[in-house]
């Protein structure tokens, strides 16, 4: 296994793990997300029934599993959103230091916890503790991704030089959506724990309001340089 090369930043004596290492972080992240998303389906257990009664009982039992199917779909989609966010961040993060590496690992630790928190809320969705655990899990992932982006963009030597302040701010605001929605869901759980998850369906509508400024696209900057 090849180790990542080290570069010394001109303005700092701290080593920076090279771009090859960012690719390896991306590979690790992809694997962790793939495993976590796959494990979600294990929460869908085939119901037991008397022999010879499947034709009569099975439809009712399958319909009774709708809360588990709902939580499976919700968690799968949210993990997909987190993966897209991570992919988008590392499109611009070109180097990674040890602090950023550990921030990323902490985020992955919380990602792997999603199958458990999903199973918990699917089994005890009407119990506030279960709802809070699930929502705290999502809040933690969203917050870590916000911290990851804030840290990386605060260290200009870690990111693409063509990345503009407008794009950085735009991405920060989008990264705050899941933590804010999670806080709302936590508040709802104190009154209606079994309905608190519905708050996450607001995420696509909120994200649609934060359109990326066309003037901040790196591709346009590169076209201007070529001309």
Protein backbone atom coordinates (compact mmCIF):
# COMPACT_ATOMS: atom_id res chain seq x y z
CA UNK A 1 0.00 0.00 0.00
CA UNK A 2 1.45 3.30 -1.04
CA UNK A 3 1.47 6.07 1.49
CA UNK A 4 0.40 9.56 0.62
CA UNK A 5 3.14 12.00 -0.26
CA UNK A 6 3.73 14.99 1.97
CA UNK A 7 3.98 18.60 0.81
CA UNK A 8 5.08 21.55 2.88
CA UNK A 9 2.97 24.66 2.57
CA UNK A 10 5.04 27.75 1.76
CA UNK A 11 3.44 29.77 4.58
CA UNK A 12 3.42 26.98 7.14
CA UNK A 13 5.74 24.27 8.42
CA UNK A 14 2.84 21.83 8.80
CA UNK A 15 2.76 18.90 6.37
CA UNK A 16 -0.19 18.48 4.03
CA UNK A 17 -1.17 15.03 2.79
CA UNK A 18 -1.13 15.10 -1.01
CA UNK A 19 -3.98 14.92 -3.51
CA UNK A 20 -3.42 11.18 -3.78
CA UNK A 21 -4.51 10.90 -0.18
CA UNK A 22 -7.69 12.88 -0.87
CA UNK A 23 -8.55 10.23 -3.45
CA UNK A 24 -8.01 7.54 -0.86
CA UNK A 25 -10.24 9.43 1.58
CA UNK A 26 -12.85 9.58 -1.16
CA UNK A 27 -12.55 5.84 -1.73
CA UNK A 28 -12.92 5.14 2.00
CA UNK A 29 -15.93 7.45 2.20
CA UNK A 30 -17.61 5.80 -0.79
CA UNK A 31 -17.11 2.37 0.80
CA UNK A 32 -18.50 3.46 4.18
CA UNK A 33 -21.56 5.06 2.61
CA UNK A 34 -22.16 1.99 0.43
CA UNK A 35 -22.00 -0.31 3.46
CA UNK A 36 -24.24 1.92 5.59
CA UNK A 37 -26.83 2.21 2.81
CA UNK A 38 -26.79 -1.55 2.27
CA UNK A 39 -27.19 -2.33 5.98
CA UNK A 40 -30.42 -0.33 6.04
CA UNK A 41 -32.24 -3.13 4.24
CA UNK A 42 -31.49 -5.51 7.12
CA UNK A 43 -34.15 -3.67 9.12
CA UNK A 44 -36.76 -5.14 6.76
CA UNK A 45 -37.36 -8.59 8.23
CA UNK A 46 -39.65 -11.16 6.63
CA UNK A 47 -42.59 -11.68 8.99
CA UNK A 48 -43.22 -15.14 10.39
CA UNK A 49 -46.58 -16.80 9.78
CA UNK A 50 -48.23 -20.20 10.11
CA UNK A 51 -47.56 -22.71 7.32
CA UNK A 52 -50.15 -22.66 4.59
CA UNK A 53 -51.54 -19.29 5.67
CA UNK A 54 -49.19 -17.08 3.66
CA UNK A 55 -51.71 -16.29 0.94
CA UNK A 56 -54.14 -14.88 3.49
CA UNK A 57 -51.84 -13.32 6.06
CA UNK A 58 -48.84 -12.13 4.05
CA UNK A 59 -50.47 -9.06 2.39
CA UNK A 60 -51.59 -7.73 5.76
CA UNK A 61 -48.21 -8.40 7.36
CA UNK A 62 -46.34 -6.69 4.52
CA UNK A 63 -48.61 -3.65 4.77
CA UNK A 64 -47.91 -3.60 8.49
CA UNK A 65 -44.22 -3.10 7.68
CA UNK A 66 -44.86 0.33 6.09
CA UNK A 67 -43.21 2.25 8.99
CA UNK A 68 -40.00 0.27 8.45
CA UNK A 69 -40.15 0.82 4.68
CA UNK A 70 -40.74 4.53 5.30
CA UNK A 71 -37.72 4.83 7.61
CA UNK A 72 -35.60 2.76 5.23
CA UNK A 73 -36.42 5.06 2.31
CA UNK A 74 -35.94 8.22 4.38
CA UNK A 75 -32.56 7.14 5.74
CA UNK A 76 -31.38 5.91 2.34
CA UNK A 77 -32.25 9.23 0.70
CA UNK A 78 -30.63 11.24 3.51
CA UNK A 79 -27.45 9.17 3.24
CA UNK A 80 -27.49 9.82 -0.51
CA UNK A 81 -27.79 13.56 0.21
CA UNK A 82 -24.84 13.39 2.61
CA UNK A 83 -22.77 11.47 0.06
CA UNK A 84 -23.53 14.08 -2.61
CA UNK A 85 -22.52 16.85 -0.18
CA UNK A 86 -19.25 15.08 0.62
CA UNK A 87 -18.54 14.51 -3.07
CA UNK A 88 -19.24 18.17 -3.78
CA UNK A 89 -16.89 19.32 -1.02
CA UNK A 90 -14.00 17.16 -2.19
CA UNK A 91 -14.42 18.43 -5.69
CA UNK A 92 -12.78 21.61 -4.40
CA UNK A 93 -10.67 20.24 -1.53
CA UNK A 94 -7.38 19.44 -3.20
CA UNK A 95 -5.24 18.71 -0.15
CA UNK A 96 -5.97 17.32 3.28
CA UNK A 97 -4.13 17.75 6.57
CA UNK A 98 -4.44 15.58 9.67
CA UNK A 99 -7.16 17.68 11.31
CA UNK A 100 -9.33 17.54 8.22
CA UNK A 101 -8.69 13.81 7.95
CA UNK A 102 -9.96 13.20 11.49
CA UNK A 103 -12.98 15.45 10.94
CA UNK A 104 -13.85 13.28 7.96
CA UNK A 105 -13.36 10.06 9.96
CA UNK A 106 -15.61 11.37 12.74
CA UNK A 107 -18.29 12.07 10.15
CA UNK A 108 -17.98 8.52 8.79
CA UNK A 109 -18.34 7.13 12.31
CA UNK A 110 -21.72 8.85 12.55
CA UNK A 111 -22.70 7.70 9.06
CA UNK A 112 -22.17 4.06 10.07
CA UNK A 113 -24.50 4.65 13.04
CA UNK A 114 -27.46 5.47 10.74
CA UNK A 115 -28.59 1.83 10.25
CA UNK A 116 -28.83 1.43 14.04
CA UNK A 117 -30.68 4.71 14.62
CA UNK A 118 -33.01 3.85 11.73
CA UNK A 119 -33.74 0.45 13.26
CA UNK A 120 -34.39 2.13 16.60
CA UNK A 121 -36.88 4.63 15.26
CA UNK A 122 -38.57 2.01 13.07
CA UNK A 123 -39.13 -0.18 16.14
CA UNK A 124 -39.97 2.57 18.64
CA UNK A 125 -40.99 5.52 16.49
CA UNK A 126 -43.59 6.69 19.00
CA UNK A 127 -40.99 6.95 21.79
CA UNK A 128 -39.26 10.32 22.06
CA UNK A 129 -35.86 8.87 22.98
CA UNK A 130 -35.79 6.87 19.74
CA UNK A 131 -36.79 9.89 17.67
CA UNK A 132 -34.22 12.11 19.39
CA UNK A 133 -31.47 9.54 18.85
CA UNK A 134 -32.21 9.38 15.13
CA UNK A 135 -32.40 13.15 14.79
CA UNK A 136 -29.25 13.72 16.85
CA UNK A 137 -27.49 11.26 14.55
CA UNK A 138 -28.49 13.28 11.48
CA UNK A 139 -27.71 16.54 13.26
CA UNK A 140 -24.22 15.24 14.04
CA UNK A 141 -23.49 14.25 10.44
CA UNK A 142 -24.76 17.54 9.06
CA UNK A 143 -22.76 19.50 11.63
CA UNK A 144 -19.56 17.56 10.93
CA UNK A 145 -19.91 18.23 7.20
CA UNK A 146 -20.41 21.93 7.93
CA UNK A 147 -17.32 21.95 10.17
CA UNK A 148 -15.37 20.04 7.52
CA UNK A 149 -16.18 22.61 4.83
CA UNK A 150 -15.57 25.56 7.15
CA UNK A 151 -12.19 24.19 8.21
CA UNK A 152 -11.07 23.35 4.66
CA UNK A 153 -12.12 26.71 3.22
CA UNK A 154 -10.53 28.50 6.16
CA UNK A 155 -7.23 26.97 5.09
CA UNK A 156 -6.93 28.37 1.58
CA UNK A 157 -3.99 26.12 0.78
CA UNK A 158 -6.27 23.06 1.05
CA UNK A 159 -8.79 24.12 -1.61
CA UNK A 160 -8.90 24.93 -5.29
CA UNK A 161 -7.55 28.43 -5.93
CA UNK A 162 -10.43 29.12 -8.31
CA UNK A 163 -12.99 28.73 -5.54
CA UNK A 164 -14.58 32.12 -4.87
CA UNK A 165 -15.88 33.50 -1.54
CA UNK A 166 -19.41 33.48 -3.01
CA UNK A 167 -19.24 29.75 -3.65
CA UNK A 168 -17.83 29.11 -0.18
CA UNK A 169 -20.66 31.05 1.46
CA UNK A 170 -23.27 29.41 -0.78
CA UNK A 171 -22.03 25.95 0.21
CA UNK A 172 -21.89 26.84 3.91
CA UNK A 173 -25.54 27.86 3.87
CA UNK A 174 -26.53 24.62 2.15
CA UNK A 175 -24.52 22.60 4.68
CA UNK A 176 -26.54 24.18 7.49
CA UNK A 177 -29.87 22.93 6.14
CA UNK A 178 -29.76 19.41 7.63
CA UNK A 179 -28.60 20.54 11.11
CA UNK A 180 -31.33 23.22 11.23
CA UNK A 181 -34.04 20.81 10.05
CA UNK A 182 -32.80 18.29 12.62
CA UNK A 183 -33.22 20.86 15.38
CA UNK A 184 -36.78 21.49 14.19
CA UNK A 185 -37.44 17.74 14.18
CA UNK A 186 -36.07 17.49 17.73
CA UNK A 187 -38.47 20.19 18.84
CA UNK A 188 -41.41 18.41 17.20
CA UNK A 189 -40.42 15.15 18.92
CA UNK A 190 -41.28 16.65 22.31
CA UNK A 191 -44.92 16.85 21.20
CA UNK A 192 -45.32 14.32 18.36
CA UNK A 193 -42.29 11.97 18.32
CA UNK A 194 -43.81 9.68 15.69
CA UNK A 195 -44.30 12.62 13.28
CA UNK A 196 -41.00 14.42 13.83
CA UNK A 197 -39.28 12.70 10.88
CA UNK A 198 -41.61 14.43 8.42
CA UNK A 199 -39.57 17.62 8.92
CA UNK A 200 -36.83 16.12 6.73
CA UNK A 201 -39.10 16.24 3.69
CA UNK A 202 -38.60 20.01 3.74
CA UNK A 203 -34.91 19.60 2.85
CA UNK A 204 -35.32 19.40 -0.97
CA UNK A 205 -37.53 22.51 -0.99
CA UNK A 206 -35.08 24.45 1.18
CA UNK A 207 -32.09 23.41 -0.90
CA UNK A 208 -33.87 24.48 -4.08
CA UNK A 209 -33.87 28.06 -2.75
CA UNK A 210 -30.07 28.09 -2.55
CA UNK A 211 -29.19 28.10 -6.21
CA UNK A 212 -25.56 28.22 -7.11
CA UNK A 213 -24.42 31.60 -8.48
CA UNK A 214 -23.40 31.09 -12.13
CA UNK A 215 -20.59 33.59 -11.74
CA UNK A 216 -18.83 31.36 -9.22
CA UNK A 217 -18.40 28.31 -11.38
CA UNK A 218 -14.76 27.27 -11.58
CA UNK A 219 -15.32 26.05 -15.11
CA UNK A 220 -16.05 29.61 -16.24
CA UNK A 221 -12.93 30.84 -14.52
CA UNK A 222 -10.87 28.23 -16.33
CA UNK A 223 -12.43 29.19 -19.67
CA UNK A 224 -11.45 32.82 -19.13
CA UNK A 225 -7.89 31.76 -18.29
CA UNK A 226 -7.66 29.68 -21.46
CA UNK A 227 -8.89 32.58 -23.59
